[in-house]
Protein backbone atom coordinates (compact mmCIF):
# COMPACT_ATOMS: atom_id res chain seq x y z
CA MET A 1 -10.79 -17.75 179.96
CA THR A 2 -8.12 -19.25 177.92
CA THR A 3 -7.59 -22.58 179.73
CA TYR A 4 -10.03 -24.96 181.90
CA GLU A 5 -8.55 -27.62 184.05
CA PHE A 6 -10.67 -30.54 185.44
CA GLY A 7 -9.13 -33.65 187.35
CA GLY A 8 -6.20 -33.08 185.58
CA ILE A 9 -7.12 -32.89 182.43
CA GLU A 10 -6.08 -29.10 180.84
CA LEU A 11 -8.16 -27.53 177.84
CA GLU A 12 -6.73 -24.94 175.89
CA ARG A 13 -9.41 -22.39 174.23
CA VAL A 14 -8.69 -22.39 170.31
CA ARG A 15 -11.42 -20.14 169.71
CA GLU A 16 -14.83 -19.41 170.54
CA HIS A 17 -16.80 -22.31 171.76
CA VAL A 18 -13.69 -24.60 170.62
CA TRP A 19 -11.73 -26.39 173.67
CA GLU A 20 -8.78 -28.32 172.96
CA LEU A 21 -6.98 -31.25 174.98
CA PRO A 22 -3.43 -31.30 173.29
CA ARG A 23 -1.87 -34.75 172.09
CA GLU A 24 0.08 -35.93 174.74
CA ASP A 25 1.49 -39.56 176.00
CA LYS A 26 -0.36 -42.01 174.33
CA MET A 27 -2.99 -40.00 172.56
CA ASN A 28 -2.81 -40.34 168.47
CA VAL A 29 -4.38 -37.05 168.14
CA PRO A 30 -5.91 -34.05 170.01
CA ALA A 31 -9.19 -34.10 171.32
CA ARG A 32 -11.67 -31.11 171.25
CA VAL A 33 -14.90 -30.01 173.06
CA LEU A 34 -17.22 -27.76 171.40
CA ALA A 35 -18.87 -25.89 174.50
CA SER A 36 -19.63 -22.38 176.00
CA GLU A 37 -18.03 -21.90 179.09
CA SER A 38 -21.31 -22.86 181.08
CA LEU A 39 -21.81 -26.11 179.17
CA LEU A 40 -18.08 -26.82 179.62
CA GLU A 41 -18.32 -26.33 183.43
CA GLU A 42 -21.15 -29.07 183.25
CA ILE A 43 -19.24 -31.69 180.79
CA GLY A 44 -16.18 -31.53 183.31
CA GLY A 45 -18.44 -32.57 185.91
CA ASP A 46 -18.24 -36.18 185.16
CA ASP A 47 -15.86 -38.45 183.19
CA THR A 48 -16.82 -37.27 179.78
CA LEU A 49 -13.30 -35.61 179.24
CA GLU A 50 -11.45 -38.65 180.39
CA GLN A 51 -13.66 -40.82 177.87
CA LEU A 52 -12.92 -38.14 175.49
CA ARG A 53 -9.13 -38.63 175.86
CA ASN A 54 -9.32 -42.45 175.89
CA ALA A 55 -11.09 -42.08 172.70
CA THR A 56 -8.38 -40.39 171.42
CA ARG A 57 -6.21 -43.75 171.39
CA LEU A 58 -8.32 -45.74 169.18
CA PRO A 59 -6.09 -47.24 166.27
CA GLY A 60 -6.57 -45.17 163.29
CA ILE A 61 -8.17 -42.13 164.64
CA ALA A 62 -7.48 -39.70 161.91
CA ALA A 63 -8.60 -36.35 163.57
CA PRO A 64 -9.10 -34.76 166.97
CA ALA A 65 -11.84 -36.92 168.95
CA LEU A 66 -15.03 -34.50 169.37
CA CYS A 67 -17.33 -34.05 172.00
CA MET A 68 -20.58 -31.99 170.85
CA PRO A 69 -22.01 -29.13 173.32
CA ASP A 70 -24.70 -31.75 174.75
CA GLY A 71 -21.64 -34.25 175.70
CA HIS A 72 -22.12 -36.63 178.99
CA GLN A 73 -20.20 -39.42 180.25
CA GLY A 74 -21.49 -42.87 178.49
CA TYR A 75 -20.07 -46.50 178.30
CA GLY A 76 -16.50 -46.16 176.99
CA PHE A 77 -17.00 -43.48 174.90
CA PRO A 78 -18.77 -40.31 175.69
CA VAL A 79 -22.45 -39.68 174.41
CA GLY A 80 -21.93 -36.66 172.20
CA GLY A 81 -18.75 -38.04 170.93
CA VAL A 82 -17.79 -38.22 167.36
CA GLY A 83 -14.41 -40.24 166.58
CA ALA A 84 -13.61 -40.27 162.68
CA ILE A 85 -11.13 -43.56 162.08
CA ASP A 86 -9.56 -44.65 159.05
CA ALA A 87 -11.38 -46.88 157.29
CA GLU A 88 -8.29 -48.86 155.98
CA ASN A 89 -5.89 -48.78 158.41
CA GLY A 90 -8.02 -48.10 161.54
CA CYS A 91 -10.73 -49.83 163.33
CA ILE A 92 -14.41 -49.87 163.80
CA SER A 93 -15.76 -49.76 167.50
CA PRO A 94 -19.08 -51.13 168.68
CA GLY A 95 -18.45 -49.24 171.99
CA ALA A 96 -18.16 -46.10 169.97
CA VAL A 97 -21.61 -46.22 168.51
CA GLY A 98 -23.56 -47.59 171.60
CA TYR A 99 -25.88 -50.20 172.65
CA ASP A 100 -28.66 -48.51 170.93
CA ILE A 101 -28.03 -48.66 167.44
CA ASN A 102 -29.69 -46.14 165.25
CA CYS A 103 -31.20 -44.44 168.22
CA GLY A 104 -32.32 -41.60 166.27
CA ILE A 105 -35.36 -39.20 165.96
CA ARG A 106 -38.11 -38.12 163.45
CA MET A 107 -40.36 -35.19 163.03
CA VAL A 108 -43.96 -35.68 161.63
CA LYS A 109 -45.79 -32.45 160.29
CA THR A 110 -49.50 -31.89 160.45
CA ASN A 111 -51.93 -29.03 159.28
CA LEU A 112 -53.39 -28.81 162.98
CA THR A 113 -52.95 -25.78 164.88
CA ASP A 114 -52.51 -25.49 168.45
CA ASP A 115 -56.29 -24.10 168.46
CA ASP A 116 -57.31 -27.61 167.14
CA ILE A 117 -56.16 -29.66 169.76
CA ARG A 118 -56.87 -27.39 172.89
CA GLY A 119 -59.20 -29.08 175.17
CA ARG A 120 -58.46 -32.63 173.57
CA GLU A 121 -54.92 -33.07 174.89
CA GLU A 122 -55.88 -35.72 177.60
CA GLU A 123 -57.58 -37.48 174.84
CA LEU A 124 -54.83 -37.36 172.47
CA VAL A 125 -52.31 -38.40 175.08
CA ASP A 126 -54.45 -41.58 176.23
CA ALA A 127 -55.17 -42.54 172.40
CA LEU A 128 -51.66 -42.46 171.63
CA PHE A 129 -50.78 -44.22 174.87
CA GLU A 130 -52.94 -47.07 174.13
CA ALA A 131 -52.01 -47.50 170.30
CA ILE A 132 -48.31 -47.29 170.81
CA PRO A 133 -46.61 -49.96 172.68
CA SER A 134 -43.90 -48.76 175.32
CA GLY A 135 -41.63 -49.84 178.03
CA LEU A 136 -39.39 -52.67 178.62
CA GLY A 137 -39.78 -56.12 176.97
CA GLY A 138 -41.98 -57.03 174.17
CA GLY A 139 -45.12 -55.83 172.68
CA GLY A 140 -45.27 -54.18 169.17
CA VAL A 141 -47.39 -52.67 166.43
CA ILE A 142 -47.10 -56.02 164.39
CA GLY A 143 -46.06 -59.68 164.82
CA GLY A 144 -42.39 -60.26 164.13
CA THR A 145 -42.91 -63.08 162.03
CA ALA A 146 -39.75 -64.26 160.12
CA ASP A 147 -40.44 -62.69 156.83
CA ALA A 148 -41.14 -59.39 158.50
CA ILE A 149 -37.83 -59.57 160.63
CA GLU A 150 -36.05 -60.39 157.45
CA GLY A 151 -37.81 -57.25 155.74
CA ALA A 152 -36.66 -54.76 158.24
CA LEU A 153 -33.19 -55.85 158.27
CA GLU A 154 -32.70 -55.98 154.75
CA ARG A 155 -34.46 -53.01 153.64
CA GLY A 156 -35.68 -50.90 156.55
CA VAL A 157 -38.28 -47.91 155.41
CA GLU A 158 -38.87 -49.35 151.99
CA TRP A 159 -40.13 -52.49 153.74
CA ALA A 160 -42.55 -51.00 155.71
CA VAL A 161 -43.79 -48.78 153.10
CA GLU A 162 -44.50 -51.62 151.03
CA GLU A 163 -45.97 -53.83 153.67
CA GLY A 164 -48.73 -50.38 153.87
CA TYR A 165 -47.34 -48.72 156.86
CA GLY A 166 -46.29 -45.69 155.05
CA ILE A 167 -46.35 -43.63 152.03
CA GLU A 168 -43.74 -43.11 149.38
CA SER A 169 -42.41 -39.50 150.41
CA ASP A 170 -41.20 -41.24 153.87
CA LEU A 171 -38.36 -42.82 151.86
CA ALA A 172 -37.07 -39.59 150.39
CA ARG A 173 -37.26 -37.83 153.71
CA CYS A 174 -35.07 -40.19 155.95
CA GLU A 175 -31.26 -40.29 155.93
CA ASP A 176 -30.20 -42.50 153.41
CA GLU A 177 -33.80 -42.97 152.42
CA GLY A 178 -34.12 -45.12 155.35
CA ARG A 179 -32.21 -48.20 154.02
CA ARG A 180 -28.49 -48.95 154.53
CA PRO A 181 -27.58 -51.01 151.31
CA ASP A 182 -24.69 -52.41 152.84
CA ALA A 183 -26.73 -54.10 155.77
CA ARG A 184 -26.06 -57.86 156.21
CA PRO A 185 -28.77 -59.38 158.41
CA GLU A 186 -26.84 -62.92 158.29
CA TYR A 187 -24.36 -61.36 160.77
CA VAL A 188 -27.22 -60.83 162.96
CA SER A 189 -27.38 -63.53 165.81
CA GLN A 190 -30.68 -65.52 166.13
CA LYS A 191 -30.89 -64.44 170.06
CA ALA A 192 -30.77 -60.73 168.68
CA MET A 193 -33.30 -61.55 166.28
CA ASP A 194 -35.64 -63.08 168.99
CA ARG A 195 -35.24 -60.25 171.07
CA GLY A 196 -36.55 -57.76 168.42
CA ARG A 197 -39.02 -60.41 167.04
CA ASN A 198 -42.00 -58.96 169.22
CA GLN A 199 -40.85 -55.48 169.48
CA MET A 200 -41.40 -53.95 166.06
CA GLY A 201 -43.23 -50.75 166.25
CA SER A 202 -42.43 -50.13 170.01
CA LEU A 203 -40.80 -47.30 171.87
CA GLY A 204 -38.99 -48.93 174.51
CA SER A 205 -38.02 -47.17 177.76
CA GLY A 206 -35.57 -44.74 179.17
CA ASN A 207 -35.39 -41.39 176.99
CA HIS A 208 -37.50 -42.59 174.36
CA PHE A 209 -41.00 -40.78 173.72
CA LEU A 210 -43.33 -39.68 171.32
CA GLU A 211 -44.32 -36.04 171.66
CA VAL A 212 -46.84 -33.73 170.41
CA GLN A 213 -45.67 -30.41 170.16
CA ARG A 214 -46.31 -26.71 168.83
CA VAL A 215 -44.11 -24.95 166.70
CA THR A 216 -43.25 -21.54 168.71
CA ASP A 217 -40.47 -19.82 167.07
CA VAL A 218 -39.24 -19.53 163.15
CA PHE A 219 -36.02 -18.29 162.91
CA ARG A 220 -35.24 -18.87 159.32
CA GLU A 221 -38.33 -18.26 157.39
CA GLY A 222 -37.11 -19.07 154.28
CA VAL A 223 -35.56 -22.60 155.01
CA ALA A 224 -38.44 -23.16 157.52
CA ALA A 225 -40.69 -22.76 154.52
CA GLU A 226 -38.86 -25.43 152.56
CA TYR A 227 -39.14 -27.71 155.56
CA GLY A 228 -43.05 -27.01 155.49
CA LEU A 229 -42.80 -25.21 159.14
CA GLU A 230 -44.97 -22.14 160.49
CA GLU A 231 -45.57 -20.98 164.03
CA GLY A 232 -48.64 -22.51 165.64
CA GLN A 233 -48.62 -25.75 163.62
CA ILE A 234 -48.40 -29.04 165.56
CA VAL A 235 -45.90 -31.75 164.87
CA ILE A 236 -45.04 -34.91 166.41
CA LEU A 237 -41.41 -36.21 167.32
CA ILE A 238 -40.72 -39.86 167.74
CA HIS A 239 -37.34 -40.67 169.54
CA CYS A 240 -36.63 -44.51 169.82
CA GLY A 241 -34.01 -46.99 168.20
CA SER A 242 -33.12 -50.85 167.60
CA ARG A 243 -34.60 -51.83 170.79
CA GLY A 244 -33.30 -55.28 172.34
CA LEU A 245 -32.07 -56.11 168.55
CA GLY A 246 -29.51 -53.31 168.82
CA HIS A 247 -28.57 -53.98 172.14
CA GLN A 248 -28.16 -57.67 171.72
CA THR A 249 -25.96 -57.12 168.46
CA CYS A 250 -23.62 -54.57 170.24
CA ASN A 251 -23.29 -56.95 173.16
CA ASP A 252 -22.47 -60.01 170.72
CA TYR A 253 -19.60 -57.92 168.88
CA LEU A 254 -17.93 -56.83 172.11
CA ARG A 255 -18.00 -60.29 173.35
CA ARG A 256 -16.35 -61.48 170.11
CA ILE A 257 -13.94 -58.74 170.07
CA GLU A 258 -12.82 -59.77 173.70
CA ARG A 259 -11.91 -63.28 172.19
CA GLU A 260 -10.81 -62.44 168.86
CA HIS A 261 -8.85 -59.16 169.17
CA ALA A 262 -7.51 -59.29 172.66
CA ASP A 263 -4.27 -57.75 171.52
CA LEU A 264 -6.23 -54.70 170.37
CA LEU A 265 -8.24 -54.75 173.49
CA ASP A 266 -5.10 -54.97 175.69
CA ASP A 267 -3.75 -51.58 174.38
CA LEU A 268 -7.08 -49.65 175.07
CA PRO A 269 -7.57 -47.99 178.08
CA ASP A 270 -11.25 -48.99 178.44
CA LYS A 271 -12.61 -52.12 177.21
CA GLU A 272 -15.79 -50.28 176.29
CA LEU A 273 -13.88 -48.75 173.54
CA ALA A 274 -13.51 -52.29 171.99
CA ALA A 275 -12.47 -52.19 168.46
CA ALA A 276 -12.23 -54.59 165.61
CA PRO A 277 -9.52 -53.78 163.10
CA ALA A 278 -10.47 -52.42 159.86
CA GLY A 279 -10.17 -55.08 157.31
CA SER A 280 -10.64 -57.70 159.43
CA GLU A 281 -13.41 -60.33 159.11
CA LEU A 282 -14.86 -59.45 162.15
CA ALA A 283 -15.02 -55.69 161.38
CA GLU A 284 -16.75 -56.52 158.17
CA GLU A 285 -19.55 -58.70 159.83
CA TYR A 286 -20.01 -56.06 162.60
CA TYR A 287 -20.43 -53.42 159.94
CA GLY A 288 -23.00 -55.30 158.15
CA ALA A 289 -24.98 -56.34 161.14
CA MET A 290 -24.82 -52.93 162.51
CA GLY A 291 -26.64 -51.88 159.09
CA ALA A 292 -29.28 -54.46 159.50
CA CYS A 293 -29.67 -53.19 163.18
CA ILE A 294 -29.87 -49.47 161.61
CA ASN A 295 -32.52 -50.62 159.16
CA PHE A 296 -34.67 -52.03 162.01
CA ALA A 297 -34.63 -49.11 163.82
CA TRP A 298 -35.95 -46.78 160.75
CA ALA A 299 -38.53 -49.59 160.27
CA ASN A 300 -39.38 -49.38 163.82
CA ARG A 301 -39.86 -45.79 163.65
CA GLN A 302 -41.82 -46.01 160.71
CA LEU A 303 -44.48 -48.41 162.16
CA ILE A 304 -45.00 -46.01 165.21
CA THR A 305 -45.54 -43.36 162.75
CA HIS A 306 -47.89 -45.39 160.99
CA GLN A 307 -49.81 -46.10 163.96
CA ALA A 308 -49.52 -42.46 165.24
CA ARG A 309 -51.22 -41.43 161.67
CA GLN A 310 -54.02 -44.11 162.51
CA THR A 311 -54.62 -42.25 165.91
CA PHE A 312 -54.65 -38.98 164.85
CA GLY A 313 -57.02 -40.00 162.30
CA GLU A 314 -59.29 -41.46 164.61
CA VAL A 315 -59.51 -39.05 167.37
CA PHE A 316 -59.76 -36.22 164.62
CA ASP A 317 -61.96 -38.14 162.33
CA ALA A 318 -59.86 -37.12 159.18
CA ASP A 319 -57.55 -38.81 156.90
CA PRO A 320 -54.23 -38.53 158.29
CA ILE A 321 -52.70 -37.71 154.95
CA ASP A 322 -55.35 -35.94 153.06
CA ASP A 323 -57.01 -34.32 155.61
CA LEU A 324 -54.29 -33.91 158.52
CA GLY A 325 -51.22 -33.43 156.15
CA MET A 326 -49.15 -35.99 158.29
CA GLU A 327 -46.16 -36.11 156.36
CA LEU A 328 -42.63 -36.73 157.51
CA LEU A 329 -40.27 -34.08 157.86
CA TYR A 330 -37.09 -36.22 158.40
CA ASP A 331 -35.60 -38.87 160.40
CA VAL A 332 -32.07 -39.00 161.39
CA ALA A 333 -29.91 -41.47 163.26
CA HIS A 334 -27.63 -40.53 166.21
CA ASN A 335 -25.86 -43.59 167.14
CA ILE A 336 -24.48 -44.75 164.17
CA ALA A 337 -21.06 -45.40 162.42
CA LYS A 338 -20.50 -44.96 158.69
CA LYS A 339 -17.94 -45.00 156.05
CA GLU A 340 -17.56 -41.26 154.78
CA THR A 341 -15.28 -39.76 152.96
CA HIS A 342 -13.60 -36.26 154.50
CA GLU A 343 -10.70 -34.01 153.88
CA ILE A 344 -8.15 -34.49 156.32
CA GLY A 345 -4.68 -32.45 157.01
CA VAL A 346 -2.25 -31.45 159.47
CA ASP A 347 -1.73 -28.19 161.44
CA ALA A 348 1.41 -26.44 162.19
CA ASP A 349 2.55 -28.48 164.82
CA GLY A 350 2.06 -31.77 162.48
CA ASP A 351 -1.12 -32.89 164.55
CA PRO A 352 -4.02 -34.44 162.40
CA THR A 353 -7.02 -32.09 162.26
CA VAL A 354 -10.10 -31.21 159.82
CA GLY A 355 -10.94 -27.95 158.71
CA ASP A 356 -8.35 -25.86 159.60
CA ALA A 357 -5.54 -28.10 158.35
CA VAL A 358 -2.78 -25.93 156.30
CA VAL A 359 -0.74 -28.77 154.76
CA ASP A 360 -0.64 -32.05 153.33
CA ARG A 361 -4.51 -31.99 152.93
CA GLU A 362 -6.16 -35.33 151.15
CA GLU A 363 -9.43 -37.05 151.17
CA ARG A 364 -10.01 -40.09 153.23
CA GLU A 365 -12.47 -42.71 153.46
CA LEU A 366 -13.42 -42.70 157.26
CA TYR A 367 -15.56 -44.70 159.83
CA VAL A 368 -17.50 -41.68 161.31
CA HIS A 369 -18.84 -42.75 164.48
CA ARG A 370 -21.39 -40.67 166.24
CA LYS A 371 -22.62 -41.26 169.57
CA GLY A 372 -25.19 -39.07 170.79
CA ALA A 373 -24.45 -36.80 167.71
CA THR A 374 -26.63 -35.94 164.63
CA ARG A 375 -25.21 -35.90 161.33
CA ALA A 376 -25.64 -32.30 160.05
CA PHE A 377 -24.80 -32.09 156.25
CA PRO A 378 -24.94 -28.58 154.68
CA ALA A 379 -26.72 -27.23 151.42
CA GLY A 380 -25.44 -28.73 148.37
CA ASN A 381 -24.05 -32.38 149.82
CA GLU A 382 -25.12 -35.15 147.74
CA ALA A 383 -25.97 -36.83 150.83
CA VAL A 384 -29.01 -34.43 151.51
CA PRO A 385 -32.22 -35.37 149.96
CA GLU A 386 -33.14 -33.66 147.03
CA VAL A 387 -35.98 -32.20 148.57
CA TYR A 388 -33.83 -30.34 151.01
CA ARG A 389 -30.46 -29.97 148.97
CA GLY A 390 -30.92 -26.53 148.46
CA VAL A 391 -31.56 -25.45 151.94
CA GLY A 392 -29.49 -28.19 153.73
CA GLN A 393 -30.38 -31.18 155.73
CA PRO A 394 -32.86 -31.08 158.72
CA VAL A 395 -31.37 -31.71 162.09
CA ILE A 396 -34.09 -32.59 164.74
CA ILE A 397 -32.68 -31.89 168.34
CA PRO A 398 -35.21 -32.72 171.14
CA GLY A 399 -34.89 -31.16 174.77
CA SER A 400 -36.43 -32.30 177.68
CA MET A 401 -40.55 -32.94 178.18
CA GLY A 402 -40.71 -29.69 179.94
CA ALA A 403 -38.61 -27.34 177.67
CA GLY A 404 -38.55 -26.55 173.77
CA SER A 405 -37.13 -28.79 171.01
CA TYR A 406 -35.36 -27.56 167.91
CA VAL A 407 -35.21 -27.92 164.12
CA LEU A 408 -31.77 -26.83 162.51
CA ARG A 409 -30.41 -26.98 159.02
CA GLY A 410 -26.80 -28.50 158.54
CA GLY A 411 -24.56 -25.52 158.97
CA ASP A 412 -22.05 -24.37 156.30
CA GLU A 413 -18.97 -24.68 158.79
CA SER A 414 -20.27 -28.35 160.03
CA MET A 415 -18.12 -30.51 157.40
CA SER A 416 -14.79 -28.40 158.25
CA VAL A 417 -15.55 -28.23 162.15
CA SER A 418 -17.31 -31.54 163.37
CA PHE A 419 -17.15 -33.92 160.22
CA GLY A 420 -20.86 -32.88 159.51
CA SER A 421 -22.01 -33.28 163.06
CA THR A 422 -23.71 -31.49 165.54
CA ALA A 423 -25.84 -32.55 168.96
CA HIS A 424 -28.32 -34.77 169.54
CA GLY A 425 -30.47 -33.34 172.44
CA ALA A 426 -29.89 -31.34 175.70
CA GLY A 427 -27.28 -33.96 177.37
CA ARG A 428 -27.88 -35.28 180.76
CA LEU A 429 -26.91 -33.52 183.87
CA MET A 430 -27.63 -36.22 186.49
CA SER A 431 -27.97 -40.21 186.13
CA ARG A 432 -30.67 -41.91 186.30
CA THR A 433 -30.27 -42.99 189.76
CA GLN A 434 -29.43 -39.63 191.03
CA ALA A 435 -32.79 -38.42 189.35
CA LYS A 436 -34.94 -40.92 190.84
CA GLN A 437 -33.40 -39.74 194.28
CA GLU A 438 -34.06 -36.27 193.26
CA PHE A 439 -37.71 -36.36 191.71
CA TRP A 440 -40.67 -38.10 192.48
CA GLY A 441 -42.44 -39.14 189.11
CA GLY A 442 -46.08 -38.28 189.87
CA ASP A 443 -44.76 -34.84 191.19
CA VAL A 444 -43.09 -34.11 187.93
CA ARG A 445 -46.26 -35.04 185.70
CA ASP A 446 -48.63 -32.70 188.05
CA ASP A 447 -46.23 -29.88 187.65
CA LEU A 448 -45.99 -30.16 183.86
CA GLU A 449 -49.66 -30.31 183.84
CA ASP A 450 -50.45 -27.73 185.94
CA GLY A 451 -47.67 -25.54 185.17
CA GLN A 452 -47.30 -25.84 181.65
CA GLN A 453 -50.28 -27.47 180.31
CA ILE A 454 -47.99 -30.40 179.41
CA TYR A 455 -49.42 -34.16 179.58
CA VAL A 456 -47.47 -36.74 179.91
CA LYS A 457 -48.17 -40.46 180.19
CA ALA A 458 -45.80 -43.30 180.90
CA GLN A 459 -45.65 -46.87 181.98
CA SER A 460 -44.03 -45.81 185.26
CA GLY A 461 -43.50 -42.95 187.70
CA ALA A 462 -39.75 -43.93 187.80
CA THR A 463 -39.63 -43.15 184.14
CA ILE A 464 -40.80 -39.69 184.49
CA ALA A 465 -38.56 -39.04 187.38
CA GLU A 466 -35.75 -40.29 185.18
CA GLU A 467 -36.42 -37.89 182.39
CA ALA A 468 -37.57 -34.90 184.66
CA PRO A 469 -36.82 -31.40 183.14
CA GLY A 470 -34.22 -30.92 185.73
CA VAL A 471 -32.07 -33.93 184.77
CA TYR A 472 -31.19 -32.23 181.29
CA LYS A 473 -28.78 -29.41 180.44
CA ASP A 474 -30.34 -26.22 178.98
CA ILE A 475 -31.35 -27.12 175.62
CA ASP A 476 -31.20 -23.34 174.42
CA GLU A 477 -27.80 -22.88 175.27
CA VAL A 478 -26.76 -26.16 173.09
CA ILE A 479 -28.53 -25.02 170.33
CA ARG A 480 -26.90 -21.31 170.92
CA VAL A 481 -23.25 -22.93 170.50
CA SER A 482 -24.15 -25.18 167.42
CA ASP A 483 -25.68 -22.11 165.64
CA GLU A 484 -22.81 -19.84 166.50
CA LEU A 485 -19.93 -22.48 165.51
CA GLY A 486 -22.14 -22.63 162.08
CA ILE A 487 -22.53 -26.61 162.38
CA GLY A 488 -26.21 -26.61 162.93
CA ASP A 489 -28.30 -23.53 162.03
CA LYS A 490 -31.47 -22.84 164.25
CA VAL A 491 -34.53 -22.98 161.79
CA ALA A 492 -37.55 -23.40 164.33
CA ARG A 493 -38.32 -24.36 167.81
CA THR A 494 -40.89 -26.46 169.08
CA PHE A 495 -42.57 -26.82 172.76
CA PRO A 496 -44.17 -30.11 174.11
CA VAL A 497 -48.16 -30.24 174.26
CA CYS A 498 -48.27 -33.91 175.16
CA ASN A 499 -46.01 -36.72 175.76
CA ILE A 500 -45.90 -40.68 176.10
CA LYS A 501 -42.86 -42.82 177.40
CA GLY A 502 -42.40 -46.28 178.57
């Protein structure tokens, strides 16, 4: 198949797993989808492609707007979208980052094996559910005093470790060492801080979770050894973001853009793409506020990690670090925009492109927007923590609670194909509303326990229904595409043991 058409949008096959929507009409650049034919059929089933085409109209977008293999419809900008926009003459778009700023994921290793927890799954899931706040609204591991909020916004994981909620090696195993130095807490509204005050150390709701898993497969033994992973090992995934603080901050700046840059907004096909011109006061303030929310989210996941370590220590009557080896593998964001330098050129038709550029290549500073996309930098990149620089950045991609998750490493082709990015999960097939019509939470929970010995505990059955395995794309196919494109290489696969949700 060389072309696909969905609702009047025609994609041309560039090469295996790469499909292009050529530049036309008001598009500033082409758009590309990184997907197999089966995933492309699913991506074309909602408004993802229309949203991707709309994204090409953002001012200053410097190369094709990209959709990762797990892409699906979002608000304005597709989930699974990557947009690289000139940081001097372009714009920054809160809509292309999303409401849950620095929604991200981390993996915590243990030296426990599947045999060590067999028969204790229910005890463990009950203890974790009791210890780690989840669900809508308030409740956190700690009370959000003014000093705590300020510390989290300003210094992220560094603040949490200094306060006794982590160990020194946690810092070296986070993207950006768990702190955005350009964070400006003064640009976060009081309303946003008030929303985050009593949510420090909480999962929230929706697709956020803490999941205990076992490593089932190792694909690259040398890389897995560098990451400290082996078959049969128990690990923990923590997936959440900046809670109400990030949501309010996004909302605050979207409303300000409507007031202060209505002319730019009027030129965009979707108000949810709202953007502030690069160099404007509003753009600088949003970038600083977003950095503070990023730090808050990293601190949030760090507090949950502390609570998980304490819980494992109590359940197994052991020291979580010295005895259980509960060290952080890595923490990586997947809703974020950052200034990065990439090489941009033009193709034979004069269209801006990356990687396969043939003329006029130049390095440019860009706002790289990743919304539901994971940074995946290759070996040797200076932004990769020194401990992993020789093999490449760990990339953690969760599946559904009834399917496997994956640890990848940043692939050698990632910088030339996807601005150092890959997928962030399996990607939804159904809306939450449709999922609740199709599934009953109690049945899903019972089926997982009886059929796969996966123990799930949530605040409501509706949450379980919304996150049923049938709601998601095939994670194995998403990872296959990433691996074959060379943007994220398979290292290990994991499988759920127990899961807590909001």
